[in-house]
N, C-alpha and C. Protein backbone atom coordinates (compact mmCIF):
# COMPACT_ATOMS: atom_id res chain seq x y z
N UNK A 1 -37.84 -8.88 -73.19
CA UNK A 1 -38.41 -9.70 -72.28
C UNK A 1 -39.01 -8.85 -71.28
N UNK A 2 -40.26 -9.04 -70.94
CA UNK A 2 -40.99 -8.44 -69.75
C UNK A 2 -41.18 -9.49 -68.72
N UNK A 3 -40.60 -9.15 -67.55
CA UNK A 3 -40.63 -9.87 -66.25
C UNK A 3 -40.93 -9.05 -65.13
N UNK A 4 -42.00 -9.23 -64.31
CA UNK A 4 -42.21 -8.62 -63.04
C UNK A 4 -42.36 -9.66 -62.06
N UNK A 5 -41.31 -9.96 -61.31
CA UNK A 5 -41.28 -10.85 -60.30
C UNK A 5 -41.41 -12.35 -60.75
N UNK A 6 -41.67 -13.26 -59.89
CA UNK A 6 -41.66 -14.59 -60.30
C UNK A 6 -42.95 -15.19 -60.75
N UNK A 7 -44.03 -14.38 -60.35
CA UNK A 7 -45.42 -14.83 -60.70
C UNK A 7 -45.66 -14.40 -62.12
N UNK A 8 -45.04 -13.59 -62.80
CA UNK A 8 -45.47 -13.09 -64.10
C UNK A 8 -44.78 -13.94 -65.16
N UNK A 9 -45.65 -14.45 -66.09
CA UNK A 9 -45.02 -15.15 -67.14
C UNK A 9 -44.33 -14.20 -68.15
N UNK A 10 -43.29 -14.78 -68.75
CA UNK A 10 -42.64 -13.98 -69.86
C UNK A 10 -43.46 -13.69 -70.97
N UNK A 11 -43.52 -12.52 -71.27
CA UNK A 11 -44.51 -11.99 -72.44
C UNK A 11 -43.96 -12.00 -73.90
N UNK A 12 -42.62 -11.83 -73.85
CA UNK A 12 -42.12 -11.85 -75.28
C UNK A 12 -40.80 -12.72 -75.11
N UNK A 13 -40.46 -13.45 -75.98
CA UNK A 13 -39.36 -14.31 -76.06
C UNK A 13 -38.03 -13.59 -76.53
N UNK A 14 -36.86 -13.76 -75.81
CA UNK A 14 -35.77 -13.03 -76.35
C UNK A 14 -35.48 -13.49 -77.81
N UNK A 15 -35.12 -12.51 -78.54
CA UNK A 15 -34.84 -12.72 -79.98
C UNK A 15 -36.21 -12.66 -80.76
N UNK A 16 -37.35 -12.41 -80.17
CA UNK A 16 -38.56 -12.31 -80.91
C UNK A 16 -38.60 -11.25 -81.90
N UNK A 17 -37.77 -10.25 -81.63
CA UNK A 17 -37.72 -8.98 -82.43
C UNK A 17 -37.07 -9.50 -83.82
N UNK A 18 -36.33 -10.51 -83.99
CA UNK A 18 -35.89 -10.87 -85.18
C UNK A 18 -36.91 -11.31 -86.07
N UNK A 19 -38.08 -11.86 -85.42
CA UNK A 19 -39.09 -12.38 -86.25
C UNK A 19 -40.07 -11.29 -86.60
N UNK A 20 -39.73 -10.14 -86.19
CA UNK A 20 -40.45 -8.96 -86.69
C UNK A 20 -41.80 -8.77 -85.65
N UNK A 21 -41.76 -9.31 -84.64
CA UNK A 21 -43.06 -9.25 -83.79
C UNK A 21 -43.40 -7.85 -83.27
N UNK A 22 -42.15 -7.23 -82.97
CA UNK A 22 -42.33 -5.72 -82.42
C UNK A 22 -43.02 -4.77 -83.47
N UNK A 23 -42.77 -5.21 -84.86
CA UNK A 23 -43.39 -4.37 -85.86
C UNK A 23 -44.71 -4.72 -86.25
N UNK A 24 -45.35 -5.83 -85.47
CA UNK A 24 -46.59 -6.19 -85.58
C UNK A 24 -47.54 -5.49 -84.82
N UNK A 25 -48.49 -4.78 -85.39
CA UNK A 25 -49.50 -4.03 -84.66
C UNK A 25 -50.24 -4.89 -83.60
N UNK A 26 -50.58 -6.01 -83.95
CA UNK A 26 -51.25 -7.04 -83.00
C UNK A 26 -50.40 -7.33 -81.84
N UNK A 27 -49.05 -7.50 -82.07
CA UNK A 27 -48.22 -7.94 -80.95
C UNK A 27 -48.02 -6.74 -80.00
N UNK A 28 -47.82 -5.57 -80.52
CA UNK A 28 -47.66 -4.36 -79.73
C UNK A 28 -48.85 -4.15 -78.86
N UNK A 29 -50.15 -4.46 -79.51
CA UNK A 29 -51.27 -4.29 -78.74
C UNK A 29 -51.49 -5.21 -77.72
N UNK A 30 -51.02 -6.42 -77.94
CA UNK A 30 -51.12 -7.54 -76.88
C UNK A 30 -50.23 -7.17 -75.76
N UNK A 31 -48.93 -6.72 -75.99
CA UNK A 31 -48.15 -6.19 -74.93
C UNK A 31 -48.78 -4.99 -74.12
N UNK A 32 -49.23 -4.13 -74.81
CA UNK A 32 -49.93 -2.98 -74.16
C UNK A 32 -51.16 -3.56 -73.31
N UNK A 33 -51.88 -4.35 -73.65
CA UNK A 33 -52.98 -4.81 -72.97
C UNK A 33 -52.40 -5.65 -71.85
N UNK A 34 -51.39 -6.35 -71.98
CA UNK A 34 -50.90 -7.14 -70.74
C UNK A 34 -50.24 -6.31 -69.73
N UNK A 35 -49.44 -5.14 -70.16
CA UNK A 35 -48.92 -4.37 -69.19
C UNK A 35 -49.90 -3.51 -68.46
N UNK A 36 -50.77 -2.74 -69.14
CA UNK A 36 -51.79 -1.89 -68.51
C UNK A 36 -52.81 -2.60 -67.82
N UNK A 37 -53.11 -3.75 -68.17
CA UNK A 37 -54.08 -4.70 -67.59
C UNK A 37 -53.48 -5.60 -66.50
N UNK A 38 -53.06 -6.82 -66.80
CA UNK A 38 -52.65 -7.84 -66.02
C UNK A 38 -51.51 -7.32 -65.10
N UNK A 39 -50.41 -6.82 -65.75
CA UNK A 39 -49.13 -6.60 -64.99
C UNK A 39 -49.34 -5.47 -63.87
N UNK A 40 -50.04 -4.45 -64.23
CA UNK A 40 -50.22 -3.34 -63.30
C UNK A 40 -51.25 -3.76 -62.23
N UNK A 41 -52.34 -4.59 -62.74
CA UNK A 41 -53.29 -4.94 -61.65
C UNK A 41 -52.76 -6.00 -60.69
N UNK A 42 -51.66 -6.60 -60.86
CA UNK A 42 -51.18 -7.56 -59.91
C UNK A 42 -50.35 -6.94 -58.83
N UNK A 43 -50.00 -5.59 -58.96
CA UNK A 43 -49.21 -5.02 -58.05
C UNK A 43 -49.93 -4.89 -56.68
N UNK A 44 -49.29 -5.16 -55.63
CA UNK A 44 -49.78 -4.94 -54.28
C UNK A 44 -49.70 -3.46 -53.97
N UNK A 45 -50.68 -2.85 -53.36
CA UNK A 45 -50.73 -1.46 -53.12
C UNK A 45 -50.41 -0.50 -54.39
N UNK A 46 -51.16 -0.69 -55.41
CA UNK A 46 -50.88 0.01 -56.65
C UNK A 46 -50.61 1.49 -56.59
N UNK A 47 -51.34 2.19 -55.60
CA UNK A 47 -51.09 3.65 -55.60
C UNK A 47 -49.77 3.91 -55.08
N UNK A 48 -49.06 3.23 -54.25
CA UNK A 48 -47.75 3.36 -53.64
C UNK A 48 -46.65 2.69 -54.46
N UNK A 49 -47.10 1.74 -55.23
CA UNK A 49 -46.04 0.91 -56.03
C UNK A 49 -45.09 1.79 -56.97
N UNK A 50 -44.05 1.40 -57.28
CA UNK A 50 -43.12 1.92 -58.19
C UNK A 50 -42.68 0.94 -59.28
N UNK A 51 -42.81 1.37 -60.42
CA UNK A 51 -42.54 0.34 -61.54
C UNK A 51 -41.47 1.07 -62.45
N UNK A 52 -40.50 0.18 -62.83
CA UNK A 52 -39.33 0.60 -63.73
C UNK A 52 -39.45 -0.21 -64.98
N UNK A 53 -39.46 0.43 -66.12
CA UNK A 53 -39.43 -0.34 -67.42
C UNK A 53 -38.03 0.07 -68.05
N UNK A 54 -37.28 -1.02 -68.30
CA UNK A 54 -36.03 -0.88 -68.90
C UNK A 54 -36.15 -1.48 -70.26
N UNK A 55 -36.06 -0.79 -71.33
CA UNK A 55 -36.28 -1.27 -72.69
C UNK A 55 -35.44 -0.54 -73.71
N UNK A 56 -35.29 -1.33 -74.80
CA UNK A 56 -34.66 -0.64 -76.11
C UNK A 56 -35.69 -0.27 -77.00
N UNK A 57 -35.78 0.96 -77.36
CA UNK A 57 -36.90 1.45 -78.37
C UNK A 57 -36.66 0.82 -79.64
N UNK A 58 -37.80 0.02 -80.16
CA UNK A 58 -37.71 -0.58 -81.49
C UNK A 58 -38.58 -0.01 -82.47
N UNK A 59 -39.72 0.61 -81.89
CA UNK A 59 -40.87 1.04 -82.79
C UNK A 59 -41.48 2.26 -81.95
N UNK A 60 -41.94 3.27 -82.82
CA UNK A 60 -42.62 4.34 -82.15
C UNK A 60 -43.70 4.06 -81.31
N UNK A 61 -44.53 3.08 -81.53
CA UNK A 61 -45.59 2.51 -80.85
C UNK A 61 -45.32 1.40 -79.91
N UNK A 62 -44.14 1.15 -79.49
CA UNK A 62 -43.91 0.06 -78.68
C UNK A 62 -44.28 0.40 -77.21
N UNK A 63 -44.11 -0.42 -76.24
CA UNK A 63 -44.51 -0.21 -74.87
C UNK A 63 -43.85 1.05 -74.32
N UNK A 64 -42.55 1.20 -74.43
CA UNK A 64 -42.04 2.56 -73.96
C UNK A 64 -42.58 3.80 -74.60
N UNK A 65 -42.86 3.72 -76.00
CA UNK A 65 -43.43 4.81 -76.60
C UNK A 65 -44.67 5.15 -76.20
N UNK A 66 -45.59 4.01 -75.92
CA UNK A 66 -46.98 4.29 -75.34
C UNK A 66 -46.94 4.91 -73.99
N UNK A 67 -45.95 4.49 -73.12
CA UNK A 67 -45.91 4.98 -71.80
C UNK A 67 -45.40 6.38 -71.85
N UNK A 68 -44.39 6.81 -72.73
CA UNK A 68 -44.09 8.21 -72.78
C UNK A 68 -45.31 9.03 -73.21
N UNK A 69 -45.99 8.55 -74.12
CA UNK A 69 -47.19 9.43 -74.62
C UNK A 69 -48.18 9.65 -73.61
N UNK A 70 -48.22 8.79 -72.65
CA UNK A 70 -49.25 9.17 -71.50
C UNK A 70 -48.80 10.32 -70.69
N UNK A 71 -47.57 10.70 -70.68
CA UNK A 71 -47.08 11.84 -69.88
C UNK A 71 -47.05 11.69 -68.46
N UNK A 72 -47.30 10.35 -67.99
CA UNK A 72 -47.32 10.00 -66.49
C UNK A 72 -46.06 9.41 -66.12
N UNK A 73 -45.06 9.14 -67.01
CA UNK A 73 -43.91 8.38 -66.62
C UNK A 73 -42.63 9.48 -66.67
N UNK A 74 -41.81 9.28 -65.78
CA UNK A 74 -40.37 9.91 -65.82
C UNK A 74 -39.60 9.18 -66.76
N UNK A 75 -38.93 9.71 -67.63
CA UNK A 75 -38.16 9.08 -68.77
C UNK A 75 -36.71 9.43 -68.48
N UNK A 76 -35.79 8.42 -68.44
CA UNK A 76 -34.43 8.58 -68.38
C UNK A 76 -33.82 7.86 -69.67
N UNK A 77 -33.39 8.59 -70.69
CA UNK A 77 -32.84 8.01 -71.84
C UNK A 77 -31.38 8.01 -71.91
N UNK A 78 -30.83 6.87 -71.96
CA UNK A 78 -29.42 6.72 -72.07
C UNK A 78 -28.93 6.09 -73.36
N UNK A 79 -27.98 6.57 -74.10
CA UNK A 79 -27.76 6.18 -75.35
C UNK A 79 -26.83 4.80 -75.02
N UNK A 80 -26.82 3.88 -76.03
CA UNK A 80 -26.09 2.58 -75.84
C UNK A 80 -24.63 2.94 -75.94
N UNK A 81 -24.15 3.75 -76.72
CA UNK A 81 -22.89 4.20 -76.76
C UNK A 81 -22.88 5.68 -76.77
N UNK A 82 -22.16 6.25 -75.70
CA UNK A 82 -22.01 7.70 -75.47
C UNK A 82 -20.88 8.31 -76.25
N UNK A 83 -21.04 9.22 -77.03
CA UNK A 83 -19.97 9.70 -77.89
C UNK A 83 -19.28 11.02 -77.24
N UNK A 84 -20.09 11.59 -76.18
CA UNK A 84 -19.55 12.84 -75.66
C UNK A 84 -19.82 12.67 -74.19
N UNK A 85 -19.07 13.40 -73.22
CA UNK A 85 -19.30 13.47 -71.98
C UNK A 85 -20.47 14.48 -71.62
N UNK A 86 -21.42 14.08 -70.84
CA UNK A 86 -22.50 14.96 -70.55
C UNK A 86 -23.03 14.51 -69.04
N UNK A 87 -23.81 15.57 -68.59
CA UNK A 87 -24.43 15.45 -67.25
C UNK A 87 -25.88 15.28 -67.52
N UNK A 88 -26.54 14.12 -66.81
CA UNK A 88 -27.86 13.73 -66.97
C UNK A 88 -28.41 14.17 -65.65
N UNK A 89 -29.56 15.02 -65.56
CA UNK A 89 -30.41 15.37 -64.40
C UNK A 89 -31.26 14.14 -63.82
N UNK A 90 -30.99 13.94 -62.71
CA UNK A 90 -31.80 12.75 -62.13
C UNK A 90 -32.85 13.34 -61.11
N UNK A 91 -33.80 12.56 -60.60
CA UNK A 91 -34.72 13.01 -59.65
C UNK A 91 -33.93 13.50 -58.35
N UNK A 92 -34.62 14.25 -57.65
CA UNK A 92 -34.06 14.61 -56.23
C UNK A 92 -32.86 15.67 -56.50
N UNK A 93 -32.66 16.25 -57.62
CA UNK A 93 -31.46 17.11 -57.94
C UNK A 93 -30.14 16.42 -58.22
N UNK A 94 -30.14 15.12 -58.19
CA UNK A 94 -28.84 14.39 -58.45
C UNK A 94 -28.42 14.59 -59.96
N UNK A 95 -27.15 14.44 -60.10
CA UNK A 95 -26.57 14.52 -61.55
C UNK A 95 -25.77 13.17 -61.83
N UNK A 96 -26.04 12.58 -62.90
CA UNK A 96 -25.32 11.45 -63.22
C UNK A 96 -24.32 11.79 -64.47
N UNK A 97 -23.05 11.41 -64.41
CA UNK A 97 -22.12 11.64 -65.47
C UNK A 97 -21.49 10.46 -66.04
């Protein structure tokens, strides 16, 4: 589900992945157009705005995949289940364990 504030309509329904929509090129393109167009254009003070995308990767060409490919986003990847203890470098020199 993509939701940015109360003014933004829900773009994908919960459970829509079970219907295979994430694997549909047309659906992925629609989500990308919405995010890179409508969603980001509605931000107040776009140059100073901060956007966080929290997502589960389901396809190499899904929204997170496309954002990563731009090289303009900081990425923090956390596994659903951690099987070993590790330290993750965060911005500003912080460490998350």
